[in-house]
Amino acid sequence: MEEKAEKILQGALSQFLSYGYAGTTMDKIAKSSGVSKQTLYSHFGDKEGLFYALVSDMASRKFKLVWEKPLEGKPQLVLKNLAETIIKEVSDPLYLDFIHLIVTEVKNYPEVAQLCFKNLAKPAINQLTNYLQNSPDLTLDDPEAIAHIFVNSILHYVLTQEKLQAKKVIPLEQERLINNLITLIVTPKGN
């Protein structure tokens, strides 16, 4: 991505996180980014286009960080490493604030959440489904459903424990969650 566009996205992120979508103006973004409003409009069209670009950028960055390595090897190890990586990346306070922004804006901008799912969740689910289908060590009836359960359980865990402060009321150690998710997936039928 071009350096100026990157600078604009960083400035926009700080403004959207501080003021929400409705409270953020192109003037604020221009000032925060150190560029003119004309530059904003020439790069992103309007505030909505800029917001969508930001959602797409954040989602694709996290996707690359979590899913850049191919899923290869024994399921216990692959799933453990994957779960730990997802938790680490999603637990980033800036990313959690960004997800909070998406959740608060979904009522007025449902396509923003859809964009996030398209750029982050869907490729992740597809990649994990492919691994689960093709692993010679697994015999799963519905690998796609298992991929959804695995990824969504981890995301729910991070959001509730960290953002919603469940760790103070119903704490659950990361290792317990991961180990039990893996057991549910890799335990052969009949055991």
N, C-alpha and C. Protein backbone atom coordinates (compact mmCIF):
# COMPACT_ATOMS: atom_id res chain seq x y z
N MET A 1 0.84 -1.18 0.00
CA MET A 1 0.00 0.00 0.00
C MET A 1 0.89 1.24 0.00
N GLU A 2 0.49 2.22 -0.74
CA GLU A 2 1.20 3.49 -0.84
C GLU A 2 1.32 4.14 0.54
N GLU A 3 2.46 4.80 0.78
CA GLU A 3 2.74 5.38 2.10
C GLU A 3 1.69 6.40 2.52
N LYS A 4 1.24 7.24 1.59
CA LYS A 4 0.25 8.27 1.94
C LYS A 4 -1.08 7.62 2.33
N ALA A 5 -1.50 6.61 1.58
CA ALA A 5 -2.75 5.91 1.90
C ALA A 5 -2.65 5.24 3.27
N GLU A 6 -1.50 4.67 3.56
CA GLU A 6 -1.27 4.04 4.86
C GLU A 6 -1.37 5.08 5.98
N LYS A 7 -0.79 6.22 5.77
CA LYS A 7 -0.84 7.31 6.75
C LYS A 7 -2.29 7.76 6.98
N ILE A 8 -3.06 7.84 5.90
CA ILE A 8 -4.48 8.22 6.01
C ILE A 8 -5.24 7.16 6.80
N LEU A 9 -5.01 5.90 6.51
CA LEU A 9 -5.72 4.84 7.23
C LEU A 9 -5.40 4.85 8.72
N GLN A 10 -4.15 5.12 9.05
CA GLN A 10 -3.78 5.20 10.47
C GLN A 10 -4.47 6.37 11.16
N GLY A 11 -4.49 7.51 10.49
CA GLY A 11 -5.19 8.68 11.04
C GLY A 11 -6.68 8.43 11.16
N ALA A 12 -7.25 7.78 10.15
CA ALA A 12 -8.68 7.48 10.17
C ALA A 12 -9.01 6.51 11.30
N LEU A 13 -8.17 5.52 11.50
CA LEU A 13 -8.41 4.54 12.57
C LEU A 13 -8.50 5.23 13.92
N SER A 14 -7.57 6.12 14.20
CA SER A 14 -7.59 6.80 15.49
C SER A 14 -8.85 7.64 15.66
N GLN A 15 -9.30 8.25 14.59
CA GLN A 15 -10.50 9.08 14.66
C GLN A 15 -11.76 8.24 14.83
N PHE A 16 -11.89 7.17 14.05
CA PHE A 16 -13.06 6.31 14.15
C PHE A 16 -13.14 5.65 15.53
N LEU A 17 -11.99 5.25 16.07
CA LEU A 17 -11.99 4.63 17.40
C LEU A 17 -12.34 5.65 18.48
N SER A 18 -11.94 6.89 18.29
CA SER A 18 -12.23 7.93 19.28
C SER A 18 -13.65 8.45 19.21
N TYR A 19 -14.17 8.63 18.00
CA TYR A 19 -15.44 9.32 17.82
C TYR A 19 -16.55 8.48 17.19
N GLY A 20 -16.25 7.22 16.84
CA GLY A 20 -17.24 6.41 16.14
C GLY A 20 -17.39 6.89 14.71
N TYR A 21 -18.19 6.18 13.96
CA TYR A 21 -18.35 6.55 12.55
C TYR A 21 -19.05 7.89 12.42
N ALA A 22 -20.17 8.06 13.10
CA ALA A 22 -20.96 9.29 12.95
C ALA A 22 -20.20 10.52 13.42
N GLY A 23 -19.40 10.39 14.46
CA GLY A 23 -18.69 11.54 15.03
C GLY A 23 -17.38 11.87 14.34
N THR A 24 -16.99 11.06 13.38
CA THR A 24 -15.75 11.30 12.67
C THR A 24 -16.04 12.05 11.37
N THR A 25 -15.27 13.09 11.15
CA THR A 25 -15.43 13.87 9.92
C THR A 25 -14.18 13.76 9.07
N MET A 26 -14.33 14.08 7.81
CA MET A 26 -13.18 14.08 6.92
C MET A 26 -12.18 15.16 7.35
N ASP A 27 -12.67 16.25 7.92
CA ASP A 27 -11.77 17.28 8.45
C ASP A 27 -10.88 16.71 9.55
N LYS A 28 -11.49 15.98 10.49
CA LYS A 28 -10.73 15.37 11.59
C LYS A 28 -9.70 14.37 11.05
N ILE A 29 -10.13 13.57 10.08
CA ILE A 29 -9.23 12.57 9.51
C ILE A 29 -8.07 13.25 8.79
N ALA A 30 -8.37 14.29 8.02
CA ALA A 30 -7.31 15.01 7.30
C ALA A 30 -6.30 15.58 8.28
N LYS A 31 -6.80 16.20 9.32
CA LYS A 31 -5.90 16.80 10.32
C LYS A 31 -5.07 15.72 11.02
N SER A 32 -5.71 14.64 11.42
CA SER A 32 -5.02 13.55 12.10
C SER A 32 -3.98 12.88 11.20
N SER A 33 -4.28 12.82 9.90
CA SER A 33 -3.39 12.16 8.95
C SER A 33 -2.30 13.08 8.40
N GLY A 34 -2.48 14.39 8.61
CA GLY A 34 -1.51 15.35 8.08
C GLY A 34 -1.60 15.52 6.58
N VAL A 35 -2.81 15.35 6.03
CA VAL A 35 -3.02 15.53 4.59
C VAL A 35 -4.21 16.46 4.37
N SER A 36 -4.39 16.89 3.15
CA SER A 36 -5.53 17.75 2.82
C SER A 36 -6.79 16.89 2.63
N LYS A 37 -7.95 17.54 2.75
CA LYS A 37 -9.19 16.83 2.50
C LYS A 37 -9.24 16.35 1.05
N GLN A 38 -8.69 17.14 0.15
CA GLN A 38 -8.67 16.75 -1.26
C GLN A 38 -7.91 15.43 -1.45
N THR A 39 -6.82 15.27 -0.70
CA THR A 39 -6.05 14.03 -0.77
C THR A 39 -6.88 12.86 -0.28
N LEU A 40 -7.63 13.08 0.81
CA LEU A 40 -8.52 12.02 1.32
C LEU A 40 -9.50 11.58 0.24
N TYR A 41 -10.17 12.59 -0.35
CA TYR A 41 -11.18 12.29 -1.35
C TYR A 41 -10.58 11.62 -2.59
N SER A 42 -9.38 12.04 -2.98
CA SER A 42 -8.78 11.44 -4.18
C SER A 42 -8.36 9.99 -3.94
N HIS A 43 -8.01 9.65 -2.69
CA HIS A 43 -7.61 8.28 -2.38
C HIS A 43 -8.80 7.35 -2.08
N PHE A 44 -9.83 7.88 -1.41
CA PHE A 44 -10.88 7.01 -0.90
C PHE A 44 -12.30 7.41 -1.29
N GLY A 45 -12.47 8.50 -1.99
CA GLY A 45 -13.79 8.91 -2.45
C GLY A 45 -14.59 9.68 -1.43
N ASP A 46 -14.93 9.05 -0.32
CA ASP A 46 -15.71 9.71 0.73
C ASP A 46 -15.46 8.98 2.05
N LYS A 47 -16.14 9.42 3.11
CA LYS A 47 -15.92 8.83 4.43
C LYS A 47 -16.29 7.35 4.42
N GLU A 48 -17.37 7.00 3.76
CA GLU A 48 -17.79 5.61 3.71
C GLU A 48 -16.74 4.76 2.99
N GLY A 49 -16.23 5.24 1.89
CA GLY A 49 -15.18 4.53 1.16
C GLY A 49 -13.92 4.36 1.99
N LEU A 50 -13.59 5.40 2.74
CA LEU A 50 -12.42 5.35 3.63
C LEU A 50 -12.65 4.33 4.74
N PHE A 51 -13.85 4.32 5.31
CA PHE A 51 -14.16 3.38 6.39
C PHE A 51 -14.08 1.95 5.87
N TYR A 52 -14.64 1.70 4.70
CA TYR A 52 -14.58 0.36 4.11
C TYR A 52 -13.14 -0.05 3.83
N ALA A 53 -12.34 0.89 3.34
CA ALA A 53 -10.92 0.59 3.08
C ALA A 53 -10.21 0.23 4.39
N LEU A 54 -10.56 0.93 5.45
CA LEU A 54 -9.96 0.66 6.76
C LEU A 54 -10.36 -0.72 7.26
N VAL A 55 -11.64 -1.06 7.14
CA VAL A 55 -12.12 -2.38 7.54
C VAL A 55 -11.39 -3.46 6.75
N SER A 56 -11.31 -3.27 5.46
CA SER A 56 -10.66 -4.25 4.59
C SER A 56 -9.18 -4.39 4.95
N ASP A 57 -8.52 -3.28 5.19
CA ASP A 57 -7.09 -3.28 5.54
C ASP A 57 -6.85 -3.99 6.87
N MET A 58 -7.63 -3.65 7.88
CA MET A 58 -7.46 -4.28 9.20
C MET A 58 -7.73 -5.78 9.12
N ALA A 59 -8.80 -6.15 8.44
CA ALA A 59 -9.15 -7.57 8.33
C ALA A 59 -8.07 -8.34 7.59
N SER A 60 -7.58 -7.80 6.48
CA SER A 60 -6.58 -8.53 5.70
C SER A 60 -5.25 -8.61 6.45
N ARG A 61 -4.91 -7.58 7.20
CA ARG A 61 -3.66 -7.65 8.00
C ARG A 61 -3.73 -8.77 9.03
N LYS A 62 -4.84 -8.84 9.74
CA LYS A 62 -4.97 -9.89 10.75
C LYS A 62 -5.04 -11.26 10.10
N PHE A 63 -5.71 -11.36 8.96
CA PHE A 63 -5.77 -12.63 8.26
C PHE A 63 -4.36 -13.09 7.91
N LYS A 64 -3.55 -12.19 7.37
CA LYS A 64 -2.19 -12.56 6.97
C LYS A 64 -1.35 -12.97 8.17
N LEU A 65 -1.50 -12.26 9.29
CA LEU A 65 -0.71 -12.59 10.47
C LEU A 65 -1.07 -13.96 11.03
N VAL A 66 -2.35 -14.28 11.02
CA VAL A 66 -2.79 -15.55 11.60
C VAL A 66 -2.64 -16.71 10.63
N TRP A 67 -2.92 -16.48 9.35
CA TRP A 67 -3.06 -17.57 8.41
C TRP A 67 -1.96 -17.62 7.36
N GLU A 68 -0.85 -16.89 7.55
CA GLU A 68 0.17 -16.87 6.51
C GLU A 68 0.90 -18.20 6.35
N LYS A 69 0.99 -18.97 7.41
CA LYS A 69 1.66 -20.26 7.32
C LYS A 69 0.63 -21.32 6.91
N PRO A 70 1.02 -22.25 6.03
CA PRO A 70 0.08 -23.31 5.66
C PRO A 70 -0.21 -24.20 6.86
N LEU A 71 -1.41 -24.75 6.90
CA LEU A 71 -1.79 -25.66 7.97
C LEU A 71 -1.35 -27.06 7.58
N GLU A 72 -0.24 -27.48 8.17
CA GLU A 72 0.33 -28.79 7.85
C GLU A 72 0.79 -29.45 9.14
N GLY A 73 0.59 -30.75 9.21
CA GLY A 73 1.06 -31.51 10.36
C GLY A 73 -0.07 -32.18 11.11
N LYS A 74 0.27 -32.72 12.25
CA LYS A 74 -0.68 -33.43 13.09
C LYS A 74 -1.72 -32.45 13.65
N PRO A 75 -2.98 -32.86 13.67
CA PRO A 75 -4.04 -31.95 14.11
C PRO A 75 -3.84 -31.33 15.49
N GLN A 76 -3.36 -32.12 16.44
CA GLN A 76 -3.18 -31.58 17.79
C GLN A 76 -2.25 -30.36 17.76
N LEU A 77 -1.14 -30.48 17.05
CA LEU A 77 -0.16 -29.40 17.00
C LEU A 77 -0.66 -28.24 16.14
N VAL A 78 -1.23 -28.54 14.98
CA VAL A 78 -1.73 -27.51 14.08
C VAL A 78 -2.80 -26.68 14.77
N LEU A 79 -3.77 -27.35 15.39
CA LEU A 79 -4.88 -26.64 16.03
C LEU A 79 -4.41 -25.85 17.25
N LYS A 80 -3.47 -26.40 17.99
CA LYS A 80 -2.93 -25.68 19.17
C LYS A 80 -2.21 -24.40 18.71
N ASN A 81 -1.34 -24.52 17.72
CA ASN A 81 -0.61 -23.34 17.22
C ASN A 81 -1.57 -22.31 16.63
N LEU A 82 -2.56 -22.78 15.90
CA LEU A 82 -3.53 -21.89 15.29
C LEU A 82 -4.33 -21.15 16.36
N ALA A 83 -4.81 -21.87 17.35
CA ALA A 83 -5.59 -21.24 18.42
C ALA A 83 -4.76 -20.20 19.17
N GLU A 84 -3.53 -20.54 19.49
CA GLU A 84 -2.66 -19.59 20.21
C GLU A 84 -2.39 -18.35 19.37
N THR A 85 -2.20 -18.53 18.07
CA THR A 85 -1.95 -17.39 17.19
C THR A 85 -3.18 -16.50 17.08
N ILE A 86 -4.35 -17.12 16.90
CA ILE A 86 -5.59 -16.33 16.82
C ILE A 86 -5.77 -15.53 18.10
N ILE A 87 -5.61 -16.18 19.24
CA ILE A 87 -5.79 -15.48 20.52
C ILE A 87 -4.82 -14.32 20.65
N LYS A 88 -3.57 -14.56 20.29
CA LYS A 88 -2.56 -13.49 20.39
C LYS A 88 -2.94 -12.30 19.50
N GLU A 89 -3.30 -12.56 18.27
CA GLU A 89 -3.58 -11.47 17.33
C GLU A 89 -4.89 -10.75 17.66
N VAL A 90 -5.91 -11.49 18.01
CA VAL A 90 -7.20 -10.87 18.29
C VAL A 90 -7.19 -10.15 19.64
N SER A 91 -6.32 -10.55 20.55
CA SER A 91 -6.24 -9.92 21.87
C SER A 91 -5.57 -8.54 21.84
N ASP A 92 -5.01 -8.17 20.72
CA ASP A 92 -4.41 -6.85 20.58
C ASP A 92 -5.47 -5.79 20.91
N PRO A 93 -5.22 -4.91 21.90
CA PRO A 93 -6.23 -3.93 22.31
C PRO A 93 -6.74 -3.06 21.16
N LEU A 94 -5.88 -2.69 20.25
CA LEU A 94 -6.32 -1.88 19.10
C LEU A 94 -7.30 -2.66 18.24
N TYR A 95 -7.01 -3.94 18.02
CA TYR A 95 -7.90 -4.76 17.22
C TYR A 95 -9.23 -4.98 17.94
N LEU A 96 -9.20 -5.19 19.25
CA LEU A 96 -10.43 -5.35 20.01
C LEU A 96 -11.28 -4.08 19.94
N ASP A 97 -10.63 -2.92 20.02
CA ASP A 97 -11.35 -1.66 19.88
C ASP A 97 -11.96 -1.54 18.49
N PHE A 98 -11.23 -2.00 17.50
CA PHE A 98 -11.72 -1.96 16.13
C PHE A 98 -12.95 -2.86 15.96
N ILE A 99 -12.90 -4.06 16.53
CA ILE A 99 -14.05 -4.98 16.47
C ILE A 99 -15.24 -4.35 17.19
N HIS A 100 -14.98 -3.70 18.31
CA HIS A 100 -16.04 -3.00 19.04
C HIS A 100 -16.68 -1.94 18.14
N LEU A 101 -15.87 -1.22 17.41
CA LEU A 101 -16.38 -0.21 16.48
C LEU A 101 -17.28 -0.85 15.42
N ILE A 102 -16.85 -1.98 14.88
CA ILE A 102 -17.65 -2.68 13.87
C ILE A 102 -18.99 -3.09 14.47
N VAL A 103 -18.96 -3.63 15.69
CA VAL A 103 -20.19 -4.08 16.34
C VAL A 103 -21.13 -2.90 16.59
N THR A 104 -20.59 -1.78 17.00
CA THR A 104 -21.45 -0.63 17.27
C THR A 104 -22.01 0.00 16.00
N GLU A 105 -21.34 -0.17 14.89
CA GLU A 105 -21.78 0.43 13.63
C GLU A 105 -22.61 -0.51 12.76
N VAL A 106 -22.71 -1.78 13.13
CA VAL A 106 -23.36 -2.77 12.27
C VAL A 106 -24.83 -2.45 12.01
N LYS A 107 -25.50 -1.85 12.96
CA LYS A 107 -26.92 -1.54 12.76
C LYS A 107 -27.11 -0.56 11.60
N ASN A 108 -26.27 0.45 11.53
CA ASN A 108 -26.37 1.45 10.47
C ASN A 108 -25.62 1.07 9.21
N TYR A 109 -24.60 0.23 9.35
CA TYR A 109 -23.75 -0.15 8.22
C TYR A 109 -23.51 -1.66 8.22
N PRO A 110 -24.54 -2.46 7.94
CA PRO A 110 -24.36 -3.92 7.98
C PRO A 110 -23.32 -4.42 6.99
N GLU A 111 -23.14 -3.67 5.90
CA GLU A 111 -22.16 -4.10 4.91
C GLU A 111 -20.73 -4.04 5.45
N VAL A 112 -20.50 -3.24 6.49
CA VAL A 112 -19.17 -3.17 7.11
C VAL A 112 -18.85 -4.50 7.79
N ALA A 113 -19.79 -5.02 8.54
CA ALA A 113 -19.58 -6.31 9.19
C ALA A 113 -19.42 -7.40 8.14
N GLN A 114 -20.21 -7.33 7.07
CA GLN A 114 -20.10 -8.31 6.00
C GLN A 114 -18.71 -8.25 5.36
N LEU A 115 -18.19 -7.06 5.19
CA LEU A 115 -16.86 -6.88 4.63
C LEU A 115 -15.81 -7.52 5.54
N CYS A 116 -15.98 -7.33 6.83
CA CYS A 116 -15.05 -7.92 7.80
C CYS A 116 -15.10 -9.46 7.71
N PHE A 117 -16.31 -10.01 7.67
CA PHE A 117 -16.44 -11.46 7.56
C PHE A 117 -15.89 -11.96 6.24
N LYS A 118 -16.11 -11.21 5.17
CA LYS A 118 -15.63 -11.63 3.85
C LYS A 118 -14.10 -11.66 3.82
N ASN A 119 -13.46 -10.67 4.43
CA ASN A 119 -12.01 -10.55 4.36
C ASN A 119 -11.26 -11.29 5.45
N LEU A 120 -11.92 -11.64 6.53
CA LEU A 120 -11.23 -12.29 7.63
C LEU A 120 -11.81 -13.66 7.93
N ALA A 121 -13.07 -13.71 8.30
CA ALA A 121 -13.65 -14.98 8.75
C ALA A 121 -13.78 -15.99 7.62
N LYS A 122 -14.29 -15.57 6.48
CA LYS A 122 -14.52 -16.53 5.39
C LYS A 122 -13.24 -17.20 4.91
N PRO A 123 -12.18 -16.45 4.61
CA PRO A 123 -10.93 -17.13 4.20
C PRO A 123 -10.37 -18.04 5.30
N ALA A 124 -10.52 -17.61 6.55
CA ALA A 124 -10.03 -18.42 7.67
C ALA A 124 -10.80 -19.72 7.76
N ILE A 125 -12.12 -19.63 7.71
CA ILE A 125 -12.97 -20.83 7.77
C ILE A 125 -12.66 -21.76 6.59
N ASN A 126 -12.50 -21.17 5.41
CA ASN A 126 -12.20 -21.98 4.22
C ASN A 126 -10.87 -22.71 4.36
N GLN A 127 -9.86 -22.01 4.85
CA GLN A 127 -8.53 -22.62 4.99
C GLN A 127 -8.56 -23.73 6.04
N LEU A 128 -9.21 -23.48 7.17
CA LEU A 128 -9.28 -24.51 8.20
C LEU A 128 -10.14 -25.69 7.74
N THR A 129 -11.24 -25.41 7.07
CA THR A 129 -12.08 -26.48 6.53
C THR A 129 -11.27 -27.38 5.60
N ASN A 130 -10.50 -26.77 4.72
CA ASN A 130 -9.67 -27.53 3.79
C ASN A 130 -8.69 -28.43 4.54
N TYR A 131 -8.04 -27.88 5.58
CA TYR A 131 -7.12 -28.69 6.38
C TYR A 131 -7.85 -29.86 7.03
N LEU A 132 -8.99 -29.57 7.66
CA LEU A 132 -9.73 -30.62 8.38
C LEU A 132 -10.23 -31.71 7.43
N GLN A 133 -10.65 -31.32 6.22
CA GLN A 133 -11.12 -32.29 5.23
C GLN A 133 -10.00 -33.20 4.75
N ASN A 134 -8.82 -32.64 4.62
CA ASN A 134 -7.71 -33.36 3.99
C ASN A 134 -6.73 -33.99 4.96
N SER A 135 -6.93 -33.81 6.26
CA SER A 135 -6.02 -34.41 7.23
C SER A 135 -6.27 -35.91 7.31
N PRO A 136 -5.24 -36.72 7.07
CA PRO A 136 -5.42 -38.17 7.13
C PRO A 136 -5.68 -38.67 8.56
N ASP A 137 -5.44 -37.80 9.54
CA ASP A 137 -5.60 -38.20 10.94
C ASP A 137 -7.01 -37.92 11.47
N LEU A 138 -7.87 -37.32 10.64
CA LEU A 138 -9.21 -36.95 11.10
C LEU A 138 -10.28 -37.58 10.22
N THR A 139 -11.39 -37.94 10.84
CA THR A 139 -12.56 -38.39 10.10
C THR A 139 -13.76 -37.62 10.65
N LEU A 140 -13.98 -36.45 10.10
CA LEU A 140 -15.03 -35.57 10.58
C LEU A 140 -16.22 -35.61 9.62
N ASP A 141 -17.42 -35.65 10.18
CA ASP A 141 -18.62 -35.65 9.36
C ASP A 141 -18.85 -34.31 8.66
N ASP A 142 -18.50 -33.21 9.33
CA ASP A 142 -18.78 -31.89 8.78
C ASP A 142 -17.61 -30.94 9.11
N PRO A 143 -16.51 -31.04 8.34
CA PRO A 143 -15.33 -30.21 8.61
C PRO A 143 -15.62 -28.71 8.60
N GLU A 144 -16.54 -28.27 7.74
CA GLU A 144 -16.85 -26.84 7.70
C GLU A 144 -17.49 -26.37 9.00
N ALA A 145 -18.44 -27.14 9.53
CA ALA A 145 -19.06 -26.78 10.80
C ALA A 145 -18.02 -26.79 11.93
N ILE A 146 -17.13 -27.76 11.90
CA ILE A 146 -16.07 -27.84 12.91
C ILE A 146 -15.16 -26.61 12.82
N ALA A 147 -14.84 -26.19 11.61
CA ALA A 147 -14.01 -24.99 11.44
C ALA A 147 -14.71 -23.78 12.02
N HIS A 148 -16.01 -23.64 11.76
CA HIS A 148 -16.78 -22.53 12.34
C HIS A 148 -16.74 -22.58 13.87
N ILE A 149 -16.99 -23.76 14.41
CA ILE A 149 -17.02 -23.92 15.87
C ILE A 149 -15.66 -23.56 16.46
N PHE A 150 -14.60 -24.04 15.85
CA PHE A 150 -13.25 -23.79 16.36
C PHE A 150 -12.92 -22.30 16.36
N VAL A 151 -13.05 -21.66 15.20
CA VAL A 151 -12.69 -20.25 15.07
C VAL A 151 -13.61 -19.37 15.91
N ASN A 152 -14.91 -19.61 15.83
CA ASN A 152 -15.85 -18.76 16.57
C ASN A 152 -15.74 -18.93 18.08
N SER A 153 -15.42 -20.13 18.53
CA SER A 153 -15.22 -20.34 19.98
C SER A 153 -14.04 -19.52 20.47
N ILE A 154 -12.98 -19.49 19.68
CA ILE A 154 -11.80 -18.73 20.08
C ILE A 154 -12.09 -17.23 20.06
N LEU A 155 -12.75 -16.76 19.00
CA LEU A 155 -13.09 -15.34 18.93
C LEU A 155 -14.01 -14.94 20.07
N HIS A 156 -15.02 -15.76 20.35
CA HIS A 156 -15.93 -15.48 21.45
C HIS A 156 -15.17 -15.44 22.78
N TYR A 157 -14.26 -16.37 22.96
CA TYR A 157 -13.46 -16.41 24.17
C TYR A 157 -12.70 -15.10 24.37
N VAL A 158 -12.01 -14.65 23.33
CA VAL A 158 -11.22 -13.42 23.46
C VAL A 158 -12.13 -12.22 23.71
N LEU A 159 -13.19 -12.10 22.94
CA LEU A 159 -14.07 -10.95 23.10
C LEU A 159 -14.72 -10.91 24.48
N THR A 160 -15.18 -12.05 24.97
CA THR A 160 -15.84 -12.04 26.28
C THR A 160 -14.83 -11.88 27.41
N GLN A 161 -13.73 -12.59 27.33
CA GLN A 161 -12.75 -12.52 28.42
C GLN A 161 -12.07 -11.15 28.48
N GLU A 162 -11.71 -10.60 27.33
CA GLU A 162 -10.95 -9.35 27.31
C GLU A 162 -11.82 -8.11 27.19
N LYS A 163 -12.63 -8.02 26.17
CA LYS A 163 -13.39 -6.79 25.91
C LYS A 163 -14.57 -6.64 26.87
N LEU A 164 -15.25 -7.75 27.16
CA LEU A 164 -16.42 -7.70 28.04
C LEU A 164 -16.08 -8.00 29.50
N GLN A 165 -14.80 -8.19 29.80
CA GLN A 165 -14.30 -8.38 31.16
C GLN A 165 -14.85 -9.63 31.86
N ALA A 166 -15.19 -10.66 31.11
CA ALA A 166 -15.68 -11.90 31.71
C ALA A 166 -14.61 -12.57 32.56
N LYS A 167 -13.35 -12.25 32.30
CA LYS A 167 -12.28 -12.88 33.07
C LYS A 167 -12.36 -12.55 34.55
N LYS A 168 -13.07 -11.49 34.90
CA LYS A 168 -13.25 -11.13 36.31
C LYS A 168 -14.41 -11.88 36.95
N VAL A 169 -15.33 -12.39 36.14
CA VAL A 169 -16.52 -13.05 36.66
C VAL A 169 -16.52 -14.54 36.37
N ILE A 170 -16.22 -14.91 35.12
CA ILE A 170 -16.17 -16.33 34.74
C ILE A 170 -14.86 -16.60 33.99
N PRO A 171 -13.75 -16.53 34.71
CA PRO A 171 -12.46 -16.71 34.04
C PRO A 171 -12.30 -18.13 33.49
N LEU A 172 -11.61 -18.19 32.38
CA LEU A 172 -11.27 -19.47 31.77
C LEU A 172 -9.87 -19.34 31.21
N GLU A 173 -8.99 -20.21 31.63
CA GLU A 173 -7.61 -20.15 31.16
C GLU A 173 -7.57 -20.53 29.68
N GLN A 174 -6.74 -19.84 28.98
CA GLN A 174 -6.56 -20.05 27.54
C GLN A 174 -6.23 -21.50 27.23
N GLU A 175 -5.33 -22.08 28.00
CA GLU A 175 -4.90 -23.45 27.75
C GLU A 175 -6.05 -24.45 27.90
N ARG A 176 -6.92 -24.22 28.88
CA ARG A 176 -8.08 -25.10 29.06
C ARG A 176 -9.00 -25.04 27.85
N LEU A 177 -9.27 -23.86 27.37
CA LEU A 177 -10.13 -23.71 26.20
C LEU A 177 -9.52 -24.44 25.01
N ILE A 178 -8.27 -24.16 24.72
CA ILE A 178 -7.60 -24.75 23.55
C ILE A 178 -7.57 -26.27 23.66
N ASN A 179 -7.15 -26.79 24.80
CA ASN A 179 -7.04 -28.25 24.95
C ASN A 179 -8.39 -28.94 24.77
N ASN A 180 -9.44 -28.35 25.30
CA ASN A 180 -10.76 -28.97 25.18
C ASN A 180 -11.32 -28.86 23.77
N LEU A 181 -11.07 -27.76 23.08
CA LEU A 181 -11.48 -27.65 21.68
C LEU A 181 -10.78 -28.73 20.84
N ILE A 182 -9.51 -28.89 21.06
CA ILE A 182 -8.74 -29.88 20.29
C ILE A 182 -9.26 -31.29 20.60
N THR A 183 -9.53 -31.58 21.86
CA THR A 183 -10.05 -32.90 22.24
C THR A 183 -11.37 -33.17 21.54
N LEU A 184 -12.23 -32.17 21.45
CA LEU A 184 -13.51 -32.36 20.78
C LEU A 184 -13.34 -32.70 19.30
N ILE A 185 -12.29 -32.19 18.71
CA ILE A 185 -12.09 -32.40 17.26
C ILE A 185 -11.32 -33.66 16.95
N VAL A 186 -10.30 -33.97 17.71
CA VAL A 186 -9.41 -35.08 17.32
C VAL A 186 -9.73 -36.41 17.99
N THR A 187 -10.64 -36.44 18.94
CA THR A 187 -10.99 -37.70 19.58
C THR A 187 -11.75 -38.58 18.58
N PRO A 188 -11.25 -39.78 18.33
CA PRO A 188 -11.93 -40.66 17.36
C PRO A 188 -13.34 -41.03 17.83
N LYS A 189 -14.21 -41.31 16.86
CA LYS A 189 -15.57 -41.72 17.17
C LYS A 189 -15.54 -42.99 18.01
N GLY A 190 -16.49 -43.06 18.94
CA GLY A 190 -16.59 -44.25 19.77
C GLY A 190 -15.77 -44.17 21.04
N ASN A 191 -14.97 -43.12 21.19
CA ASN A 191 -14.16 -42.98 22.43
C ASN A 191 -14.84 -42.07 23.40
